[in-house]
Amino acid sequence: MSDKQRGHTDKQLLIKGLKRLALALPLLVLTTYLFTFTFLNKETIPMYYILPLAILGMAGTIFTLFSGIKLVLKSMFH
């Protein structure tokens, strides 16, 4: 029986997924801070430049989180 048939965890894929999750954690904190910062400073002009960046950053963070979770699950159950 090969390693794939016995159901062992693919360690390289697991490490790749954990790296993505580790990248997503600081992104989550940073984009949440930027999003909150823009709503606290509604009177200033830079808010209109930072808000789209915060929204795109949030979308990228959510994508990174789900792709990391998907890779971790794929490494264990594939």
PDB file of N, CA and C in Angstrom:
ATOM      1  N   MET A   1       0.834  -1.197   0.000  1.00  0.00           N
ATOM      2  CA  MET A   1       0.000   0.000   0.000  1.00  0.00           C
ATOM      3  C   MET A   1       0.871   1.250   0.000  1.00  0.00           C
ATOM      4  N   SER A   2       0.475   2.194  -0.794  1.00  0.00           N
ATOM      5  CA  SER A   2       1.222   3.455  -0.799  1.00  0.00           C
ATOM      6  C   SER A   2       0.719   4.352   0.327  1.00  0.00           C
ATOM      7  N   ASP A   3       1.429   5.469   0.532  1.00  0.00           N
ATOM      8  CA  ASP A   3       1.040   6.404   1.586  1.00  0.00           C
ATOM      9  C   ASP A   3      -0.325   7.021   1.327  1.00  0.00           C
ATOM     10  N   LYS A   4      -0.667   7.243   0.069  1.00  0.00           N
ATOM     11  CA  LYS A   4      -1.959   7.850  -0.255  1.00  0.00           C
ATOM     12  C   LYS A   4      -3.111   6.918   0.101  1.00  0.00           C
ATOM     13  N   GLN A   5      -2.922   5.622  -0.080  1.00  0.00           N
ATOM     14  CA  GLN A   5      -3.997   4.674   0.181  1.00  0.00           C
ATOM     15  C   GLN A   5      -4.208   4.440   1.673  1.00  0.00           C
ATOM     16  N   ARG A   6      -3.172   4.616   2.472  1.00  0.00           N
ATOM     17  CA  ARG A   6      -3.308   4.395   3.906  1.00  0.00           C
ATOM     18  C   ARG A   6      -3.916   5.591   4.624  1.00  0.00           C
ATOM     19  N   GLY A   7      -4.014   6.720   3.964  1.00  0.00           N
ATOM     20  CA  GLY A   7      -4.672   7.872   4.559  1.00  0.00           C
ATOM     21  C   GLY A   7      -3.775   8.752   5.400  1.00  0.00           C
ATOM     22  N   HIS A   8      -2.488   8.754   5.123  1.00  0.00           N
ATOM     23  CA  HIS A   8      -1.584   9.620   5.875  1.00  0.00           C
ATOM     24  C   HIS A   8      -1.771  11.068   5.467  1.00  0.00           C
ATOM     25  N   THR A   9      -1.452  11.940   6.366  1.00  0.00           N
ATOM     26  CA  THR A   9      -1.555  13.371   6.102  1.00  0.00           C
ATOM     27  C   THR A   9      -0.434  13.807   5.172  1.00  0.00           C
ATOM     28  N   ASP A  10      -0.790  14.593   4.160  1.00  0.00           N
ATOM     29  CA  ASP A  10       0.196  15.176   3.248  1.00  0.00           C
ATOM     30  C   ASP A  10       0.817  16.370   3.961  1.00  0.00           C
ATOM     31  N   LYS A  11       2.035  16.175   4.454  1.00  0.00           N
ATOM     32  CA  LYS A  11       2.666  17.183   5.301  1.00  0.00           C
ATOM     33  C   LYS A  11       3.003  18.458   4.550  1.00  0.00           C
ATOM     34  N   GLN A  12       3.390  18.358   3.291  1.00  0.00           N
ATOM     35  CA  GLN A  12       3.717  19.554   2.515  1.00  0.00           C
ATOM     36  C   GLN A  12       2.483  20.421   2.297  1.00  0.00           C
ATOM     37  N   LEU A  13       1.365  19.782   2.012  1.00  0.00           N
ATOM     38  CA  LEU A  13       0.118  20.520   1.830  1.00  0.00           C
ATOM     39  C   LEU A  13      -0.366  21.101   3.152  1.00  0.00           C
ATOM     40  N   LEU A  14      -0.153  20.381   4.234  1.00  0.00           N
ATOM     41  CA  LEU A  14      -0.522  20.882   5.560  1.00  0.00           C
ATOM     42  C   LEU A  14       0.292  22.121   5.925  1.00  0.00           C
ATOM     43  N   ILE A  15       1.581  22.090   5.655  1.00  0.00           N
ATOM     44  CA  ILE A  15       2.444  23.240   5.955  1.00  0.00           C
ATOM     45  C   ILE A  15       2.030  24.446   5.116  1.00  0.00           C
ATOM     46  N   LYS A  16       1.701  24.205   3.856  1.00  0.00           N
ATOM     47  CA  LYS A  16       1.253  25.296   2.983  1.00  0.00           C
ATOM     48  C   LYS A  16      -0.040  25.919   3.512  1.00  0.00           C
ATOM     49  N   GLY A  17      -0.968  25.088   3.971  1.00  0.00           N
ATOM     50  CA  GLY A  17      -2.219  25.600   4.534  1.00  0.00           C
ATOM     51  C   GLY A  17      -2.010  26.358   5.825  1.00  0.00           C
ATOM     52  N   LEU A  18      -1.110  25.872   6.672  1.00  0.00           N
ATOM     53  CA  LEU A  18      -0.839  26.564   7.928  1.00  0.00           C
ATOM     54  C   LEU A  18      -0.130  27.893   7.697  1.00  0.00           C
ATOM     55  N   LYS A  19       0.705  27.956   6.657  1.00  0.00           N
ATOM     56  CA  LYS A  19       1.346  29.229   6.313  1.00  0.00           C
ATOM     57  C   LYS A  19       0.312  30.251   5.863  1.00  0.00           C
ATOM     58  N   ARG A  20      -0.668  29.806   5.093  1.00  0.00           N
ATOM     59  CA  ARG A  20      -1.729  30.724   4.668  1.00  0.00           C
ATOM     60  C   ARG A  20      -2.552  31.203   5.855  1.00  0.00           C
ATOM     61  N   LEU A  21      -2.822  30.314   6.781  1.00  0.00           N
ATOM     62  CA  LEU A  21      -3.572  30.719   7.970  1.00  0.00           C
ATOM     63  C   LEU A  21      -2.750  31.676   8.829  1.00  0.00           C
ATOM     64  N   ALA A  22      -1.448  31.450   8.889  1.00  0.00           N
ATOM     65  CA  ALA A  22      -0.578  32.358   9.642  1.00  0.00           C
ATOM     66  C   ALA A  22      -0.493  33.725   8.971  1.00  0.00           C
ATOM     67  N   LEU A  23      -0.572  33.772   7.665  1.00  0.00           N
ATOM     68  CA  LEU A  23      -0.595  35.044   6.943  1.00  0.00           C
ATOM     69  C   LEU A  23      -1.927  35.761   7.141  1.00  0.00           C
ATOM     70  N   ALA A  24      -2.991  35.007   7.239  1.00  0.00           N
ATOM     71  CA  ALA A  24      -4.324  35.605   7.344  1.00  0.00           C
ATOM     72  C   ALA A  24      -4.564  36.253   8.706  1.00  0.00           C
ATOM     73  N   LEU A  25      -3.911  35.799   9.735  1.00  0.00           N
ATOM     74  CA  LEU A  25      -4.143  36.353  11.069  1.00  0.00           C
ATOM     75  C   LEU A  25      -3.725  37.819  11.181  1.00  0.00           C
ATOM     76  N   PRO A  26      -2.498  38.203  10.787  1.00  0.00           N
ATOM     77  CA  PRO A  26      -2.174  39.635  10.837  1.00  0.00           C
ATOM     78  C   PRO A  26      -3.001  40.456   9.848  1.00  0.00           C
ATOM     79  N   LEU A  27      -3.332  39.871   8.702  1.00  0.00           N
ATOM     80  CA  LEU A  27      -4.185  40.580   7.749  1.00  0.00           C
ATOM     81  C   LEU A  27      -5.559  40.867   8.336  1.00  0.00           C
ATOM     82  N   LEU A  28      -6.074  39.930   9.098  1.00  0.00           N
ATOM     83  CA  LEU A  28      -7.375  40.111   9.729  1.00  0.00           C
ATOM     84  C   LEU A  28      -7.350  41.271  10.711  1.00  0.00           C
ATOM     85  N   VAL A  29      -6.313  41.348  11.507  1.00  0.00           N
ATOM     86  CA  VAL A  29      -6.185  42.442  12.478  1.00  0.00           C
ATOM     87  C   VAL A  29      -5.982  43.772  11.766  1.00  0.00           C
ATOM     88  N   LEU A  30      -5.105  43.796  10.760  1.00  0.00           N
ATOM     89  CA  LEU A  30      -4.800  45.036  10.053  1.00  0.00           C
ATOM     90  C   LEU A  30      -6.008  45.580   9.295  1.00  0.00           C
ATOM     91  N   THR A  31      -6.698  44.733   8.570  1.00  0.00           N
ATOM     92  CA  THR A  31      -7.838  45.221   7.791  1.00  0.00           C
ATOM     93  C   THR A  31      -9.000  45.631   8.682  1.00  0.00           C
ATOM     94  N   THR A  32      -9.181  44.964   9.796  1.00  0.00           N
ATOM     95  CA  THR A  32     -10.219  45.382  10.739  1.00  0.00           C
ATOM     96  C   THR A  32      -9.887  46.748  11.324  1.00  0.00           C
ATOM     97  N   TYR A  33      -8.612  46.973  11.624  1.00  0.00           N
ATOM     98  CA  TYR A  33      -8.193  48.276  12.131  1.00  0.00           C
ATOM     99  C   TYR A  33      -8.412  49.366  11.084  1.00  0.00           C
ATOM    100  N   LEU A  34      -8.029  49.096   9.834  1.00  0.00           N
ATOM    101  CA  LEU A  34      -8.220  50.087   8.770  1.00  0.00           C
ATOM    102  C   LEU A  34      -9.696  50.400   8.552  1.00  0.00           C
ATOM    103  N   PHE A  35     -10.515  49.385   8.593  1.00  0.00           N
ATOM    104  CA  PHE A  35     -11.956  49.562   8.403  1.00  0.00           C
ATOM    105  C   PHE A  35     -12.541  50.420   9.521  1.00  0.00           C
ATOM    106  N   THR A  36     -12.148  50.156  10.751  1.00  0.00           N
ATOM    107  CA  THR A  36     -12.621  50.944  11.884  1.00  0.00           C
ATOM    108  C   THR A  36     -12.074  52.365  11.830  1.00  0.00           C
ATOM    109  N   PHE A  37     -10.829  52.518  11.434  1.00  0.00           N
ATOM    110  CA  PHE A  37     -10.192  53.824  11.338  1.00  0.00           C
ATOM    111  C   PHE A  37     -10.920  54.729  10.351  1.00  0.00           C
ATOM    112  N   THR A  38     -11.375  54.168   9.250  1.00  0.00           N
ATOM    113  CA  THR A  38     -12.058  54.991   8.254  1.00  0.00           C
ATOM    114  C   THR A  38     -13.395  55.498   8.770  1.00  0.00           C
ATOM    115  N   PHE A  39     -14.085  54.712   9.558  1.00  0.00           N
ATOM    116  CA  PHE A  39     -15.377  55.170  10.074  1.00  0.00           C
ATOM    117  C   PHE A  39     -15.237  56.099  11.269  1.00  0.00           C
ATOM    118  N   LEU A  40     -14.105  56.059  11.953  1.00  0.00           N
ATOM    119  CA  LEU A  40     -13.878  56.999  13.043  1.00  0.00           C
ATOM    120  C   LEU A  40     -13.457  58.377  12.524  1.00  0.00           C
ATOM    121  N   ASN A  41     -12.881  58.439  11.322  1.00  0.00           N
ATOM    122  CA  ASN A  41     -12.422  59.696  10.732  1.00  0.00           C
ATOM    123  C   ASN A  41     -13.234  60.020   9.491  1.00  0.00           C
ATOM    124  N   LYS A  42     -14.534  60.212   9.664  1.00  0.00           N
ATOM    125  CA  LYS A  42     -15.407  60.471   8.518  1.00  0.00           C
ATOM    126  C   LYS A  42     -15.188  61.843   7.901  1.00  0.00           C
ATOM    127  N   GLU A  43     -14.661  62.788   8.674  1.00  0.00           N
ATOM    128  CA  GLU A  43     -14.533  64.159   8.187  1.00  0.00           C
ATOM    129  C   GLU A  43     -13.296  64.380   7.318  1.00  0.00           C
ATOM    130  N   THR A  44     -12.369  63.472   7.331  1.00  0.00           N
ATOM    131  CA  THR A  44     -11.117  63.693   6.607  1.00  0.00           C
ATOM    132  C   THR A  44     -11.172  63.079   5.212  1.00  0.00           C
ATOM    133  N   ILE A  45     -10.413  63.645   4.321  1.00  0.00           N
ATOM    134  CA  ILE A  45     -10.379  63.194   2.929  1.00  0.00           C
ATOM    135  C   ILE A  45      -9.727  61.806   2.770  1.00  0.00           C
ATOM    136  N   PRO A  46      -8.646  61.473   3.510  1.00  0.00           N
ATOM    137  CA  PRO A  46      -8.033  60.152   3.301  1.00  0.00           C
ATOM    138  C   PRO A  46      -8.979  58.979   3.568  1.00  0.00           C
ATOM    139  N   MET A  47     -10.083  59.239   4.249  1.00  0.00           N
ATOM    140  CA  MET A  47     -11.048  58.163   4.482  1.00  0.00           C
ATOM    141  C   MET A  47     -11.540  57.590   3.162  1.00  0.00           C
ATOM    142  N   TYR A  48     -11.694  58.426   2.151  1.00  0.00           N
ATOM    143  CA  TYR A  48     -12.195  57.962   0.864  1.00  0.00           C
ATOM    144  C   TYR A  48     -11.157  57.156   0.097  1.00  0.00           C
ATOM    145  N   TYR A  49      -9.899  57.294   0.472  1.00  0.00           N
ATOM    146  CA  TYR A  49      -8.856  56.483  -0.149  1.00  0.00           C
ATOM    147  C   TYR A  49      -8.619  55.184   0.618  1.00  0.00           C
ATOM    148  N   ILE A  50      -8.781  55.221   1.907  1.00  0.00           N
ATOM    149  CA  ILE A  50      -8.483  54.058   2.740  1.00  0.00           C
ATOM    150  C   ILE A  50      -9.641  53.063   2.769  1.00  0.00           C
ATOM    151  N   LEU A  51     -10.876  53.557   2.681  1.00  0.00           N
ATOM    152  CA  LEU A  51     -12.035  52.664   2.760  1.00  0.00           C
ATOM    153  C   LEU A  51     -12.046  51.602   1.661  1.00  0.00           C
ATOM    154  N   PRO A  52     -11.820  51.947   0.395  1.00  0.00           N
ATOM    155  CA  PRO A  52     -11.776  50.867  -0.612  1.00  0.00           C
ATOM    156  C   PRO A  52     -10.642  49.882  -0.374  1.00  0.00           C
ATOM    157  N   LEU A  53      -9.497  50.379   0.104  1.00  0.00           N
ATOM    158  CA  LEU A  53      -8.391  49.467   0.421  1.00  0.00           C
ATOM    159  C   LEU A  53      -8.755  48.519   1.556  1.00  0.00           C
ATOM    160  N   ALA A  54      -9.472  49.048   2.552  1.00  0.00           N
ATOM    161  CA  ALA A  54      -9.889  48.203   3.671  1.00  0.00           C
ATOM    162  C   ALA A  54     -10.882  47.145   3.215  1.00  0.00           C
ATOM    163  N   ILE A  55     -11.801  47.520   2.329  1.00  0.00           N
ATOM    164  CA  ILE A  55     -12.790  46.553   1.827  1.00  0.00           C
ATOM    165  C   ILE A  55     -12.110  45.472   0.995  1.00  0.00           C
ATOM    166  N   LEU A  56     -11.199  45.871   0.123  1.00  0.00           N
ATOM    167  CA  LEU A  56     -10.458  44.878  -0.667  1.00  0.00           C
ATOM    168  C   LEU A  56      -9.579  44.000   0.224  1.00  0.00           C
ATOM    169  N   GLY A  57      -8.998  44.603   1.253  1.00  0.00           N
ATOM    170  CA  GLY A  57      -8.190  43.829   2.189  1.00  0.00           C
ATOM    171  C   GLY A  57      -9.012  42.804   2.962  1.00  0.00           C
ATOM    172  N   MET A  58     -10.219  43.198   3.342  1.00  0.00           N
ATOM    173  CA  MET A  58     -11.112  42.252   4.026  1.00  0.00           C
ATOM    174  C   MET A  58     -11.468  41.082   3.115  1.00  0.00           C
ATOM    175  N   ALA A  59     -11.768  41.384   1.848  1.00  0.00           N
ATOM    176  CA  ALA A  59     -12.093  40.316   0.899  1.00  0.00           C
ATOM    177  C   ALA A  59     -10.887  39.388   0.706  1.00  0.00           C
ATOM    178  N   GLY A  60      -9.702  39.960   0.601  1.00  0.00           N
ATOM    179  CA  GLY A  60      -8.494  39.141   0.478  1.00  0.00           C
ATOM    180  C   GLY A  60      -8.222  38.309   1.715  1.00  0.00           C
ATOM    181  N   THR A  61      -8.506  38.867   2.875  1.00  0.00           N
ATOM    182  CA  THR A  61      -8.311  38.136   4.123  1.00  0.00           C
ATOM    183  C   THR A  61      -9.265  36.956   4.218  1.00  0.00           C
ATOM    184  N   ILE A  62     -10.516  37.187   3.868  1.00  0.00           N
ATOM    185  CA  ILE A  62     -11.507  36.100   3.907  1.00  0.00           C
ATOM    186  C   ILE A  62     -11.121  35.004   2.920  1.00  0.00           C
ATOM    187  N   PHE A  63     -10.676  35.405   1.726  1.00  0.00           N
ATOM    188  CA  PHE A  63     -10.227  34.413   0.739  1.00  0.00           C
ATOM    189  C   PHE A  63      -9.037  33.611   1.263  1.00  0.00           C
ATOM    190  N   THR A  64      -8.077  34.302   1.872  1.00  0.00           N
ATOM    191  CA  THR A  64      -6.886  33.626   2.399  1.00  0.00           C
ATOM    192  C   THR A  64      -7.251  32.660   3.524  1.00  0.00           C
ATOM    193  N   LEU A  65      -8.163  33.070   4.399  1.00  0.00           N
ATOM    194  CA  LEU A  65      -8.599  32.188   5.484  1.00  0.00           C
ATOM    195  C   LEU A  65      -9.248  30.917   4.944  1.00  0.00           C
ATOM    196  N   PHE A  66     -10.193  31.080   4.026  1.00  0.00           N
ATOM    197  CA  PHE A  66     -10.889  29.908   3.515  1.00  0.00           C
ATOM    198  C   PHE A  66      -9.989  29.014   2.678  1.00  0.00           C
ATOM    199  N   SER A  67      -9.063  29.599   1.912  1.00  0.00           N
ATOM    200  CA  SER A  67      -8.155  28.750   1.145  1.00  0.00           C
ATOM    201  C   SER A  67      -7.188  28.005   2.068  1.00  0.00           C
ATOM    202  N   GLY A  68      -6.778  28.639   3.169  1.00  0.00           N
ATOM    203  CA  GLY A  68      -5.928  27.954   4.140  1.00  0.00           C
ATOM    204  C   GLY A  68      -6.650  26.800   4.821  1.00  0.00           C
ATOM    205  N   ILE A  69      -7.893  27.033   5.202  1.00  0.00           N
ATOM    206  CA  ILE A  69      -8.689  25.963   5.826  1.00  0.00           C
ATOM    207  C   ILE A  69      -8.917  24.835   4.829  1.00  0.00           C
ATOM    208  N   LYS A  70      -9.185  25.194   3.579  1.00  0.00           N
ATOM    209  CA  LYS A  70      -9.400  24.187   2.544  1.00  0.00           C
ATOM    210  C   LYS A  70      -8.156  23.322   2.333  1.00  0.00           C
ATOM    211  N   LEU A  71      -6.967  23.958   2.331  1.00  0.00           N
ATOM    212  CA  LEU A  71      -5.736  23.204   2.160  1.00  0.00           C
ATOM    213  C   LEU A  71      -5.461  22.271   3.343  1.00  0.00           C
ATOM    214  N   VAL A  72      -5.725  22.759   4.549  1.00  0.00           N
ATOM    215  CA  VAL A  72      -5.510  21.912   5.734  1.00  0.00           C
ATOM    216  C   VAL A  72      -6.440  20.693   5.687  1.00  0.00           C
ATOM    217  N   LEU A  73      -7.697  20.916   5.353  1.00  0.00           N
ATOM    218  CA  LEU A  73      -8.631  19.800   5.282  1.00  0.00           C
ATOM    219  C   LEU A  73      -8.277  18.842   4.142  1.00  0.00           C
ATOM    220  N   LYS A  74      -7.831  19.403   3.015  1.00  0.00           N
ATOM    221  CA  LYS A  74      -7.439  18.563   1.891  1.00  0.00           C
ATOM    222  C   LYS A  74      -6.229  17.704   2.249  1.00  0.00           C
ATOM    223  N   SER A  75      -5.311  18.250   3.026  1.00  0.00           N
ATOM    224  CA  SER A  75      -4.121  17.470   3.390  1.00  0.00           C
ATOM    225  C   SER A  75      -4.463  16.320   4.337  1.00  0.00           C
ATOM    226  N   MET A  76      -5.511  16.489   5.117  1.00  0.00           N
ATOM    227  CA  MET A  76      -5.864  15.425   6.072  1.00  0.00           C
ATOM    228  C   MET A  76      -6.813  14.380   5.496  1.00  0.00           C
ATOM    229  N   PHE A  77      -7.725  14.785   4.632  1.00  0.00           N
ATOM    230  CA  PHE A  77      -8.778  13.877   4.211  1.00  0.00           C
ATOM    231  C   PHE A  77      -8.736  13.497   2.733  1.00  0.00           C
ATOM    232  N   HIS A  78      -7.698  13.884   2.025  1.00  0.00           N
ATOM    233  CA  HIS A  78      -7.642  13.583   0.599  1.00  0.00           C
ATOM    234  C   HIS A  78      -6.809  12.386   0.318  1.00  0.00           C
TER     235      HIS A  78
END
